[in-house]
C-alpha atoms as a PDB file:
ATOM      1  CA  UNK A   1     125.839 144.087 116.631  1.00  0.00           C
ATOM      2  CA  UNK A   2     124.921 143.476 119.905  1.00  0.00           C
ATOM      3  CA  UNK A   3     120.684 143.898 120.724  1.00  0.00           C
ATOM      4  CA  UNK A   4     120.099 147.325 122.754  1.00  0.00           C
ATOM      5  CA  UNK A   5     118.824 146.334 126.559  1.00  0.00           C
ATOM      6  CA  UNK A   6     115.700 148.303 125.697  1.00  0.00           C
ATOM      7  CA  UNK A   7     115.043 145.136 123.030  1.00  0.00           C
ATOM      8  CA  UNK A   8     115.223 142.479 125.426  1.00  0.00           C
ATOM      9  CA  UNK A   9     112.191 141.634 127.625  1.00  0.00           C
ATOM     10  CA  UNK A  10     112.593 139.137 130.334  1.00  0.00           C
ATOM     11  CA  UNK A  11     110.316 136.391 130.940  1.00  0.00           C
ATOM     12  CA  UNK A  12     109.829 134.936 133.964  1.00  0.00           C
ATOM     13  CA  UNK A  13     109.144 131.466 135.103  1.00  0.00           C
ATOM     14  CA  UNK A  14     105.443 130.728 136.133  1.00  0.00           C
ATOM     15  CA  UNK A  15     105.053 129.972 139.812  1.00  0.00           C
ATOM     16  CA  UNK A  16     102.781 127.075 140.768  1.00  0.00           C
ATOM     17  CA  UNK A  17     100.674 127.167 143.165  1.00  0.00           C
ATOM     18  CA  UNK A  18      99.947 124.789 145.936  1.00  0.00           C
ATOM     19  CA  UNK A  19      97.273 123.110 144.117  1.00  0.00           C
ATOM     20  CA  UNK A  20      99.212 123.058 140.972  1.00  0.00           C
ATOM     21  CA  UNK A  21     102.439 121.543 142.858  1.00  0.00           C
ATOM     22  CA  UNK A  22      99.936 118.420 143.800  1.00  0.00           C
ATOM     23  CA  UNK A  23      98.971 118.456 140.242  1.00  0.00           C
ATOM     24  CA  UNK A  24      95.351 117.831 141.447  1.00  0.00           C
ATOM     25  CA  UNK A  25      93.787 119.866 138.561  1.00  0.00           C
ATOM     26  CA  UNK A  26      95.346 117.876 136.061  1.00  0.00           C
ATOM     27  CA  UNK A  27      94.739 114.522 137.617  1.00  0.00           C
ATOM     28  CA  UNK A  28      90.845 115.621 137.997  1.00  0.00           C
ATOM     29  CA  UNK A  29      90.767 116.870 134.302  1.00  0.00           C
ATOM     30  CA  UNK A  30      92.147 113.313 133.120  1.00  0.00           C
ATOM     31  CA  UNK A  31      90.057 111.112 135.513  1.00  0.00           C
ATOM     32  CA  UNK A  32      86.958 113.212 134.072  1.00  0.00           C
ATOM     33  CA  UNK A  33      87.947 112.132 130.337  1.00  0.00           C
ATOM     34  CA  UNK A  34      88.937 108.538 131.438  1.00  0.00           C
ATOM     35  CA  UNK A  35      84.693 108.494 133.154  1.00  0.00           C
ATOM     36  CA  UNK A  36      83.525 110.217 130.281  1.00  0.00           C
ATOM     37  CA  UNK A  37      85.025 107.470 127.933  1.00  0.00           C
ATOM     38  CA  UNK A  38      83.654 104.719 130.473  1.00  0.00           C
ATOM     39  CA  UNK A  39      79.917 105.828 130.170  1.00  0.00           C
ATOM     40  CA  UNK A  40      79.748 106.978 126.393  1.00  0.00           C
ATOM     41  CA  UNK A  41      82.260 104.937 124.385  1.00  0.00           C
ATOM     42  CA  UNK A  42      82.880 106.010 120.995  1.00  0.00           C
ATOM     43  CA  UNK A  43      84.454 103.180 119.354  1.00  0.00           C
ATOM     44  CA  UNK A  44      82.873  99.693 118.730  1.00  0.00           C
ATOM     45  CA  UNK A  45      85.504  96.568 119.021  1.00  0.00           C
ATOM     46  CA  UNK A  46      85.759  94.362 116.711  1.00  0.00           C
ATOM     47  CA  UNK A  47      86.661  90.349 118.093  1.00  0.00           C
ATOM     48  CA  UNK A  48      88.877  89.751 115.267  1.00  0.00           C
ATOM     49  CA  UNK A  49      89.737  86.919 114.244  1.00  0.00           C
ATOM     50  CA  UNK A  50      86.648  85.309 115.414  1.00  0.00           C
ATOM     51  CA  UNK A  51      84.350  87.621 113.798  1.00  0.00           C
ATOM     52  CA  UNK A  52      84.964  88.536 110.488  1.00  0.00           C
ATOM     53  CA  UNK A  53      84.861  92.236 109.762  1.00  0.00           C
ATOM     54  CA  UNK A  54      82.535  93.607 107.067  1.00  0.00           C
ATOM     55  CA  UNK A  55      84.761  95.706 104.416  1.00  0.00           C
ATOM     56  CA  UNK A  56      83.103  98.756 102.922  1.00  0.00           C
ATOM     57  CA  UNK A  57      82.569  98.481  99.111  1.00  0.00           C
ATOM     58  CA  UNK A  58      85.412 101.095  98.479  1.00  0.00           C
ATOM     59  CA  UNK A  59      88.126  99.402 100.634  1.00  0.00           C
ATOM     60  CA  UNK A  60      91.427  99.025  98.744  1.00  0.00           C
ATOM     61  CA  UNK A  61      92.743  95.880  99.368  1.00  0.00           C
ATOM     62  CA  UNK A  62      94.599  93.340  97.364  1.00  0.00           C
ATOM     63  CA  UNK A  63      94.604  93.767  93.551  1.00  0.00           C
ATOM     64  CA  UNK A  64      93.429  91.474  91.152  1.00  0.00           C
ATOM     65  CA  UNK A  65      93.430  91.313  87.328  1.00  0.00           C
ATOM     66  CA  UNK A  66      90.070  91.109  85.533  1.00  0.00           C
ATOM     67  CA  UNK A  67      89.112  88.727  82.681  1.00  0.00           C
ATOM     68  CA  UNK A  68      86.912  89.648  79.662  1.00  0.00           C
ATOM     69  CA  UNK A  69      84.036  87.751  78.320  1.00  0.00           C
ATOM     70  CA  UNK A  70      86.533  85.224  76.448  1.00  0.00           C
ATOM     71  CA  UNK A  71      88.157  84.195  79.475  1.00  0.00           C
ATOM     72  CA  UNK A  72      91.106  86.282  78.928  1.00  0.00           C
ATOM     73  CA  UNK A  73      93.086  88.747  80.824  1.00  0.00           C
ATOM     74  CA  UNK A  74      91.418  92.084  80.064  1.00  0.00           C
ATOM     75  CA  UNK A  75      94.887  94.055  80.608  1.00  0.00           C
ATOM     76  CA  UNK A  76      96.213  95.427  76.770  1.00  0.00           C
ATOM     77  CA  UNK A  77      99.619  96.500  78.096  1.00  0.00           C
ATOM     78  CA  UNK A  78      99.179 100.177  77.879  1.00  0.00           C
ATOM     79  CA  UNK A  79     101.718 100.683  80.753  1.00  0.00           C
ATOM     80  CA  UNK A  80      98.973 103.338  82.489  1.00  0.00           C
ATOM     81  CA  UNK A  81      98.706 101.711  85.600  1.00  0.00           C
ATOM     82  CA  UNK A  82     102.733 101.129  85.930  1.00  0.00           C
ATOM     83  CA  UNK A  83     103.048 105.053  84.590  1.00  0.00           C
ATOM     84  CA  UNK A  84     100.611 106.178  87.243  1.00  0.00           C
ATOM     85  CA  UNK A  85     101.764 104.192  90.194  1.00  0.00           C
ATOM     86  CA  UNK A  86     103.518 106.877  92.663  1.00  0.00           C
ATOM     87  CA  UNK A  87     105.143 103.666  94.413  1.00  0.00           C
ATOM     88  CA  UNK A  88     106.618 102.072  90.916  1.00  0.00           C
ATOM     89  CA  UNK A  89     105.475  98.602  92.395  1.00  0.00           C
ATOM     90  CA  UNK A  90     103.869  97.408  88.923  1.00  0.00           C
ATOM     91  CA  UNK A  91     106.145  95.713  86.351  1.00  0.00           C
ATOM     92  CA  UNK A  92     104.708  94.825  82.502  1.00  0.00           C
ATOM     93  CA  UNK A  93     106.326  92.985  79.656  1.00  0.00           C
ATOM     94  CA  UNK A  94     103.952  93.186  76.698  1.00  0.00           C
ATOM     95  CA  UNK A  95     104.080  90.730  73.969  1.00  0.00           C
ATOM     96  CA  UNK A  96     102.272  90.774  70.213  1.00  0.00           C
ATOM     97  CA  UNK A  97      98.399  89.314  71.251  1.00  0.00           C
ATOM     98  CA  UNK A  98      98.048  86.219  69.096  1.00  0.00           C
ATOM     99  CA  UNK A  99      96.348  86.501  65.631  1.00  0.00           C
ATOM    100  CA  UNK A 100      92.973  85.365  67.330  1.00  0.00           C
ATOM    101  CA  UNK A 101      92.237  88.435  68.992  1.00  0.00           C
ATOM    102  CA  UNK A 102      90.850  90.759  66.950  1.00  0.00           C
ATOM    103  CA  UNK A 103      90.200  93.471  69.678  1.00  0.00           C
ATOM    104  CA  UNK A 104      93.677  94.110  71.057  1.00  0.00           C
ATOM    105  CA  UNK A 105      97.226  94.489  69.601  1.00  0.00           C
ATOM    106  CA  UNK A 106      99.174  93.260  72.396  1.00  0.00           C
ATOM    107  CA  UNK A 107      98.477  91.689  75.915  1.00  0.00           C
ATOM    108  CA  UNK A 108     101.077  91.313  78.880  1.00  0.00           C
ATOM    109  CA  UNK A 109     103.389  88.419  78.893  1.00  0.00           C
ATOM    110  CA  UNK A 110     104.091  89.338  82.336  1.00  0.00           C
ATOM    111  CA  UNK A 111     102.347  91.140  84.526  1.00  0.00           C
ATOM    112  CA  UNK A 112     103.967  91.858  88.372  1.00  0.00           C
ATOM    113  CA  UNK A 113     102.735  93.899  91.500  1.00  0.00           C
ATOM    114  CA  UNK A 114     104.687  94.117  94.513  1.00  0.00           C
ATOM    115  CA  UNK A 115     102.252  93.981  97.009  1.00  0.00           C
ATOM    116  CA  UNK A 116     104.986  94.956 100.086  1.00  0.00           C
ATOM    117  CA  UNK A 117     105.756  98.317  97.986  1.00  0.00           C
ATOM    118  CA  UNK A 118     102.601  98.614  97.036  1.00  0.00           C
ATOM    119  CA  UNK A 119     100.887 101.697  99.062  1.00  0.00           C
ATOM    120  CA  UNK A 120      97.166 100.935  98.108  1.00  0.00           C
ATOM    121  CA  UNK A 121      96.316 104.216  96.752  1.00  0.00           C
ATOM    122  CA  UNK A 122      94.033 103.237  93.744  1.00  0.00           C
ATOM    123  CA  UNK A 123      96.018 105.180  91.154  1.00  0.00           C
ATOM    124  CA  UNK A 124      96.139 102.344  88.773  1.00  0.00           C
ATOM    125  CA  UNK A 125      92.648 101.080  88.811  1.00  0.00           C
ATOM    126  CA  UNK A 126      91.882 104.771  88.298  1.00  0.00           C
ATOM    127  CA  UNK A 127      94.403 105.061  85.087  1.00  0.00           C
ATOM    128  CA  UNK A 128      93.462 101.866  83.641  1.00  0.00           C
ATOM    129  CA  UNK A 129      91.456 102.517  80.560  1.00  0.00           C
ATOM    130  CA  UNK A 130      90.156  99.215  79.919  1.00  0.00           C
ATOM    131  CA  UNK A 131      89.095  98.174  84.092  1.00  0.00           C
ATOM    132  CA  UNK A 132      91.551  95.539  83.710  1.00  0.00           C
ATOM    133  CA  UNK A 133      93.007  96.054  87.321  1.00  0.00           C
ATOM    134  CA  UNK A 134      91.118  96.584  90.265  1.00  0.00           C
ATOM    135  CA  UNK A 135      91.632  96.797  94.319  1.00  0.00           C
ATOM    136  CA  UNK A 136      89.644  94.022  96.071  1.00  0.00           C
ATOM    137  CA  UNK A 137      88.045  94.353  99.952  1.00  0.00           C
ATOM    138  CA  UNK A 138      90.881  90.963 100.882  1.00  0.00           C
ATOM    139  CA  UNK A 139      92.826  92.792 103.634  1.00  0.00           C
ATOM    140  CA  UNK A 140      94.394  89.720 105.607  1.00  0.00           C
ATOM    141  CA  UNK A 141      97.527  89.922 102.999  1.00  0.00           C
ATOM    142  CA  UNK A 142      99.966  87.606 104.443  1.00  0.00           C
ATOM    143  CA  UNK A 143     103.187  85.663 103.362  1.00  0.00           C
ATOM    144  CA  UNK A 144     106.136  84.177 104.781  1.00  0.00           C
ATOM    145  CA  UNK A 145     109.011  85.970 102.552  1.00  0.00           C
ATOM    146  CA  UNK A 146     109.238  88.630  99.860  1.00  0.00           C
ATOM    147  CA  UNK A 147     108.448  86.270  97.074  1.00  0.00           C
ATOM    148  CA  UNK A 148     105.098  85.166  98.807  1.00  0.00           C
ATOM    149  CA  UNK A 149     104.198  89.122  98.148  1.00  0.00           C
ATOM    150  CA  UNK A 150     104.961  89.384  94.418  1.00  0.00           C
ATOM    151  CA  UNK A 151     101.915  88.952  92.496  1.00  0.00           C
ATOM    152  CA  UNK A 152     102.477  87.462  89.255  1.00  0.00           C
ATOM    153  CA  UNK A 153      99.724  87.555  86.292  1.00  0.00           C
ATOM    154  CA  UNK A 154      98.406  84.039  87.217  1.00  0.00           C
ATOM    155  CA  UNK A 155      98.593  84.709  91.145  1.00  0.00           C
ATOM    156  CA  UNK A 156      96.173  88.098  90.155  1.00  0.00           C
ATOM    157  CA  UNK A 157      93.866  86.142  87.802  1.00  0.00           C
ATOM    158  CA  UNK A 158      93.478  83.651  90.768  1.00  0.00           C
ATOM    159  CA  UNK A 159      92.142  86.775  93.300  1.00  0.00           C
ATOM    160  CA  UNK A 160      89.693  87.221  90.208  1.00  0.00           C
ATOM    161  CA  UNK A 161      88.520  83.979  90.377  1.00  0.00           C
ATOM    162  CA  UNK A 162      88.422  83.748  93.848  1.00  0.00           C
ATOM    163  CA  UNK A 163      86.737  86.743  94.382  1.00  0.00           C
ATOM    164  CA  UNK A 164      83.864  86.391  91.425  1.00  0.00           C
ATOM    165  CA  UNK A 165      83.292  83.057  92.953  1.00  0.00           C
ATOM    166  CA  UNK A 166      82.716  84.569  96.420  1.00  0.00           C
ATOM    167  CA  UNK A 167      80.661  87.043  95.211  1.00  0.00           C
ATOM    168  CA  UNK A 168      82.187  89.618  97.455  1.00  0.00           C
ATOM    169  CA  UNK A 169      83.831  91.854  94.700  1.00  0.00           C
ATOM    170  CA  UNK A 170      81.422  92.335  91.740  1.00  0.00           C
ATOM    171  CA  UNK A 171      83.825  93.627  88.550  1.00  0.00           C
ATOM    172  CA  UNK A 172      83.151  96.955  88.467  1.00  0.00           C
ATOM    173  CA  UNK A 173      83.810  97.785  84.898  1.00  0.00           C
ATOM    174  CA  UNK A 174      81.608 100.669  83.386  1.00  0.00           C
ATOM    175  CA  UNK A 175      80.509  99.585  79.975  1.00  0.00           C
ATOM    176  CA  UNK A 176      81.867  97.496  76.642  1.00  0.00           C
ATOM    177  CA  UNK A 177      83.453  94.560  76.180  1.00  0.00           C
ATOM    178  CA  UNK A 178      86.981  95.957  77.200  1.00  0.00           C
ATOM    179  CA  UNK A 179      85.967  98.952  79.209  1.00  0.00           C
ATOM    180  CA  UNK A 180      84.849 102.528  78.767  1.00  0.00           C
ATOM    181  CA  UNK A 181      87.550 103.423  76.531  1.00  0.00           C
ATOM    182  CA  UNK A 182      86.755 100.346  74.069  1.00  0.00           C
ATOM    183  CA  UNK A 183      83.116 102.149  73.945  1.00  0.00           C
ATOM    184  CA  UNK A 184      84.227 105.401  72.050  1.00  0.00           C
ATOM    185  CA  UNK A 185      82.521 106.799  69.056  1.00  0.00           C
ATOM    186  CA  UNK A 186      84.954 107.604  65.857  1.00  0.00           C
ATOM    187  CA  UNK A 187      84.929 111.438  65.188  1.00  0.00           C
END
């Protein structure tokens, strides 16, 4: 069924005047914006890498695995971080904890994070009940191959050692030896 001719509205092309054809008003508007940015700059240029930037405390950079007060890995292999991760970049293999570890049933035999796949959202940090995984303020993450960007448990623990020794990232545990979840009162 064709559309009735009375329902059709024909639109005519707008006619440009002499000044609009020369694009002078548009050029003047652009120059006004440019001059405004020259005399009132809104962005501070950082001279990286000569001048290292100071990252805010809530910056989400390279991951680290925290150590407990006995210098062991704090993770209890509960898989909460791997479950919460939207990028599916965390892989954990759990093992029974040694007999002398009375405070937990299992620990991560392997703990691997693919830093190239990670979107640095912080969901793993939020999901961890024992504050074992954290995002640091380290931003200059580089590697020459994909294998270099896959962080295993030893590399993640070395990031903890590096950041705590430098004092750039304090351990943000909330309470208790293992974290807030270990201090829940029974009943």
